[in-house]
C-alpha atoms as a PDB file:
ATOM      1  CA  MET A   1     -14.020  25.174   0.370  1.00  0.00           C
ATOM      2  CA  ASN A   2     -14.496  22.384  -2.126  1.00  0.00           C
ATOM      3  CA  GLY A   3     -17.978  21.185  -1.030  1.00  0.00           C
ATOM      4  CA  PHE A   4     -17.054  17.582  -0.364  1.00  0.00           C
ATOM      5  CA  GLY A   5     -15.507  15.513   2.367  1.00  0.00           C
ATOM      6  CA  PRO A   6     -12.123  13.855   2.585  1.00  0.00           C
ATOM      7  CA  LEU A   7     -10.420  11.924  -0.167  1.00  0.00           C
ATOM      8  CA  VAL A   8     -10.891   8.285   0.862  1.00  0.00           C
ATOM      9  CA  ASP A   9      -7.932   6.006   0.226  1.00  0.00           C
ATOM     10  CA  THR A  10      -8.147   2.429  -1.008  1.00  0.00           C
ATOM     11  CA  SER A  11      -7.124   1.123   2.428  1.00  0.00           C
ATOM     12  CA  VAL A  12     -10.317   2.523   3.945  1.00  0.00           C
ATOM     13  CA  LEU A  13     -12.537   1.372   1.070  1.00  0.00           C
ATOM     14  CA  ILE A  14     -11.289  -2.196   1.412  1.00  0.00           C
ATOM     15  CA  ASP A  15     -12.005  -2.207   5.138  1.00  0.00           C
ATOM     16  CA  TYR A  16     -15.336  -0.409   4.868  1.00  0.00           C
ATOM     17  CA  PHE A  17     -16.851  -2.592   2.168  1.00  0.00           C
ATOM     18  CA  GLY A  18     -15.217  -5.654   3.741  1.00  0.00           C
ATOM     19  CA  GLY A  19     -17.042  -5.031   7.018  1.00  0.00           C
ATOM     20  CA  VAL A  20     -13.973  -4.139   9.112  1.00  0.00           C
ATOM     21  CA  ASP A  21     -14.698  -1.843  12.050  1.00  0.00           C
ATOM     22  CA  SER A  22     -12.200   0.952  12.635  1.00  0.00           C
ATOM     23  CA  ARG A  23     -12.153   4.666  13.367  1.00  0.00           C
ATOM     24  CA  GLU A  24     -11.687   5.308   9.631  1.00  0.00           C
ATOM     25  CA  THR A  25     -14.644   3.141   8.590  1.00  0.00           C
ATOM     26  CA  GLU A  26     -16.829   4.832  11.223  1.00  0.00           C
ATOM     27  CA  ILE A  27     -15.942   8.216   9.738  1.00  0.00           C
ATOM     28  CA  LEU A  28     -16.705   6.987   6.216  1.00  0.00           C
ATOM     29  CA  ASP A  29     -20.036   5.577   7.382  1.00  0.00           C
ATOM     30  CA  LYS A  30     -20.987   8.966   8.887  1.00  0.00           C
ATOM     31  CA  LEU A  31     -19.966  10.783   5.727  1.00  0.00           C
ATOM     32  CA  LEU A  32     -22.056   8.487   3.534  1.00  0.00           C
ATOM     33  CA  GLU A  33     -25.068   8.860   5.826  1.00  0.00           C
ATOM     34  CA  GLN A  34     -24.852  12.542   6.770  1.00  0.00           C
ATOM     35  CA  GLY A  35     -22.438  14.196   4.363  1.00  0.00           C
ATOM     36  CA  PRO A  36     -20.503  15.920   3.121  1.00  0.00           C
ATOM     37  CA  PRO A  37     -19.990  13.314   0.441  1.00  0.00           C
ATOM     38  CA  PRO A  38     -16.540  11.743   0.547  1.00  0.00           C
ATOM     39  CA  ALA A  39     -14.281  12.019  -2.459  1.00  0.00           C
ATOM     40  CA  THR A  40     -12.508   9.471  -4.586  1.00  0.00           C
ATOM     41  CA  ALA A  41     -10.021   9.670  -7.425  1.00  0.00           C
ATOM     42  CA  PRO A  42      -9.406   7.597 -10.543  1.00  0.00           C
ATOM     43  CA  ILE A  43      -6.313   5.828  -9.175  1.00  0.00           C
ATOM     44  CA  ILE A  44      -8.144   4.889  -5.968  1.00  0.00           C
ATOM     45  CA  VAL A  45     -11.114   3.534  -7.915  1.00  0.00           C
ATOM     46  CA  GLN A  46      -8.752   1.453 -10.039  1.00  0.00           C
ATOM     47  CA  GLU A  47      -6.815   0.119  -7.049  1.00  0.00           C
ATOM     48  CA  TYR A  48     -10.001  -0.847  -5.229  1.00  0.00           C
ATOM     49  CA  LEU A  49     -11.931  -2.369  -8.124  1.00  0.00           C
ATOM     50  CA  GLN A  50      -9.027  -4.304  -9.622  1.00  0.00           C
ATOM     51  CA  GLY A  51      -8.804  -6.259  -6.377  1.00  0.00           C
ATOM     52  CA  LEU A  52     -12.273  -7.724  -6.975  1.00  0.00           C
ATOM     53  CA  THR A  53     -12.416 -10.855  -9.096  1.00  0.00           C
ATOM     54  CA  ASP A  54     -16.102 -11.749  -8.815  1.00  0.00           C
ATOM     55  CA  PRO A  55     -18.162  -9.855 -11.443  1.00  0.00           C
ATOM     56  CA  LYS A  56     -21.070  -9.405  -9.004  1.00  0.00           C
ATOM     57  CA  ASP A  57     -18.780  -7.943  -6.331  1.00  0.00           C
ATOM     58  CA  PHE A  58     -17.219  -5.670  -8.947  1.00  0.00           C
ATOM     59  CA  ALA A  59     -20.648  -4.392 -10.052  1.00  0.00           C
ATOM     60  CA  LEU A  60     -21.791  -3.789  -6.458  1.00  0.00           C
ATOM     61  CA  ALA A  61     -18.577  -1.997  -5.549  1.00  0.00           C
ATOM     62  CA  ARG A  62     -18.770   0.166  -8.649  1.00  0.00           C
ATOM     63  CA  ALA A  63     -22.352   1.126  -7.734  1.00  0.00           C
ATOM     64  CA  ASP A  64     -21.266   1.946  -4.159  1.00  0.00           C
ATOM     65  CA  LEU A  65     -18.626   4.330  -5.485  1.00  0.00           C
ATOM     66  CA  GLU A  66     -21.373   6.378  -7.156  1.00  0.00           C
ATOM     67  CA  ASN A  67     -21.993   7.923  -3.695  1.00  0.00           C
ATOM     68  CA  PHE A  68     -18.585   9.588  -3.798  1.00  0.00           C
ATOM     69  CA  GLN A  69     -17.584  12.899  -5.332  1.00  0.00           C
ATOM     70  CA  ARG A  70     -15.042  12.402  -8.100  1.00  0.00           C
ATOM     71  CA  LEU A  71     -11.819  14.310  -8.234  1.00  0.00           C
ATOM     72  CA  SER A  72     -10.565  15.017 -11.722  1.00  0.00           C
ATOM     73  CA  PRO A  73      -7.798  12.814 -13.062  1.00  0.00           C
ATOM     74  CA  PRO A  74      -4.366  14.253 -12.294  1.00  0.00           C
ATOM     75  CA  ASP A  75      -2.909  16.439 -14.994  1.00  0.00           C
ATOM     76  CA  TYR A  76       0.719  16.972 -15.912  1.00  0.00           C
ATOM     77  CA  GLN A  77       1.185  19.772 -13.351  1.00  0.00           C
ATOM     78  CA  LEU A  78      -0.165  17.609 -10.542  1.00  0.00           C
ATOM     79  CA  HIS A  79       2.276  14.839 -11.464  1.00  0.00           C
ATOM     80  CA  LEU A  80       5.141  17.368 -11.415  1.00  0.00           C
ATOM     81  CA  ARG A  81       4.027  18.504  -7.948  1.00  0.00           C
ATOM     82  CA  ALA A  82       3.853  14.893  -6.744  1.00  0.00           C
ATOM     83  CA  ALA A  83       7.358  14.249  -8.095  1.00  0.00           C
ATOM     84  CA  GLU A  84       8.633  17.290  -6.204  1.00  0.00           C
ATOM     85  CA  PHE A  85       7.040  16.040  -2.965  1.00  0.00           C
ATOM     86  CA  HIS A  86       8.455  12.558  -3.544  1.00  0.00           C
ATOM     87  CA  SER A  87      11.924  14.000  -4.066  1.00  0.00           C
ATOM     88  CA  ARG A  88      11.668  16.093  -0.889  1.00  0.00           C
ATOM     89  CA  MET A  89      10.706  13.030   1.153  1.00  0.00           C
ATOM     90  CA  THR A  90      13.534  10.984  -0.382  1.00  0.00           C
ATOM     91  CA  ARG A  91      16.041  13.696   0.599  1.00  0.00           C
ATOM     92  CA  ARG A  92      14.784  13.271   4.167  1.00  0.00           C
ATOM     93  CA  GLY A  93      15.470   9.544   3.930  1.00  0.00           C
ATOM     94  CA  ILE A  94      11.811   8.542   3.634  1.00  0.00           C
ATOM     95  CA  THR A  95      10.638   6.496   0.678  1.00  0.00           C
ATOM     96  CA  VAL A  96       6.961   6.847  -0.209  1.00  0.00           C
ATOM     97  CA  PRO A  97       5.540   4.780  -3.094  1.00  0.00           C
ATOM     98  CA  THR A  98       4.649   6.733  -6.219  1.00  0.00           C
ATOM     99  CA  ILE A  99       0.913   5.988  -5.974  1.00  0.00           C
ATOM    100  CA  ASP A 100       0.784   7.093  -2.328  1.00  0.00           C
ATOM    101  CA  THR A 101       2.550  10.324  -3.219  1.00  0.00           C
ATOM    102  CA  LEU A 102       0.078  10.921  -6.039  1.00  0.00           C
ATOM    103  CA  ILE A 103      -2.938  10.321  -3.761  1.00  0.00           C
ATOM    104  CA  VAL A 104      -1.706  12.706  -1.060  1.00  0.00           C
ATOM    105  CA  THR A 105      -0.867  15.329  -3.691  1.00  0.00           C
ATOM    106  CA  MET A 106      -4.377  15.012  -5.164  1.00  0.00           C
ATOM    107  CA  ALA A 107      -5.847  15.736  -1.713  1.00  0.00           C
ATOM    108  CA  GLU A 108      -3.496  18.684  -1.282  1.00  0.00           C
ATOM    109  CA  VAL A 109      -4.366  20.198  -4.665  1.00  0.00           C
ATOM    110  CA  ALA A 110      -8.122  19.607  -4.174  1.00  0.00           C
ATOM    111  CA  GLY A 111      -7.967  21.262  -0.768  1.00  0.00           C
ATOM    112  CA  CYS A 112      -9.508  18.325   1.048  1.00  0.00           C
ATOM    113  CA  SER A 113      -8.434  16.179   3.937  1.00  0.00           C
ATOM    114  CA  LEU A 114      -7.341  12.570   3.531  1.00  0.00           C
ATOM    115  CA  LEU A 115      -8.970   9.522   5.102  1.00  0.00           C
ATOM    116  CA  THR A 116      -6.417   6.702   5.070  1.00  0.00           C
ATOM    117  CA  ARG A 117      -4.996   3.867   7.126  1.00  0.00           C
ATOM    118  CA  ASP A 118      -1.710   3.926   5.219  1.00  0.00           C
ATOM    119  CA  THR A 119       1.136   5.081   7.480  1.00  0.00           C
ATOM    120  CA  ARG A 120       3.279   6.345   4.576  1.00  0.00           C
ATOM    121  CA  GLN A 121       0.418   8.481   3.290  1.00  0.00           C
ATOM    122  CA  LYS A 122      -0.168   9.845   6.798  1.00  0.00           C
ATOM    123  CA  GLU A 123       3.514  10.713   7.153  1.00  0.00           C
ATOM    124  CA  LEU A 124       3.588  12.488   3.790  1.00  0.00           C
ATOM    125  CA  ALA A 125       0.312  14.284   4.539  1.00  0.00           C
ATOM    126  CA  ARG A 126       1.697  15.618   7.822  1.00  0.00           C
ATOM    127  CA  PHE A 127       4.906  16.715   6.092  1.00  0.00           C
ATOM    128  CA  LEU A 128       2.946  18.571   3.400  1.00  0.00           C
ATOM    129  CA  GLY A 129       0.330  20.016   5.742  1.00  0.00           C
ATOM    130  CA  VAL A 130      -2.553  17.979   4.309  1.00  0.00           C
ATOM    131  CA  MET A 131      -5.106  17.487   7.050  1.00  0.00           C
ATOM    132  CA  LEU A 132      -5.957  13.928   7.957  1.00  0.00           C
ATOM    133  CA  ALA A 133      -9.675  13.293   8.367  1.00  0.00           C
ATOM    134  CA  LEU A 134      -8.970  11.714  11.754  1.00  0.00           C
ATOM    135  CA  GLN A 135      -7.721  15.111  12.924  1.00  0.00           C
ATOM    136  CA  ARG A 136     -11.032  16.732  12.073  1.00  0.00           C
ATOM    137  CA  SER A 137     -14.151  16.518  14.122  1.00  0.00           C
ATOM    138  CA  ILE A 138     -16.647  14.858  11.808  1.00  0.00           C
ATOM    139  CA  THR A 139     -19.980  14.743  13.562  1.00  0.00           C
END
């Protein structure tokens, strides 16, 4: 066990900090209040923060992300694994964007579930056997 909660995708961060109510944002709210701490990754932090143009919003969002566990940046081997997964999906006729493949692979390698609204990530996660946080009972 890795000691932290699911890897939270950008799609959920945008909704959560934007005040959108959904099953995913409810789960994230519980994790932040009760634990285990959710996880984030460098690419997710970049995707989320680069969408903010107001310096005050950027600073607040960056501070909010301090409540998340940080996965290590992907190394060469993780990128090779992601490329393999991407190729396998393509052979099945399913195209998953590179970043989505990388995010799901990071969850798989870290041994954590994935909290996302992205349908392509969900499809890849199911194919690879990565548990989706919605499948887990987080109480």
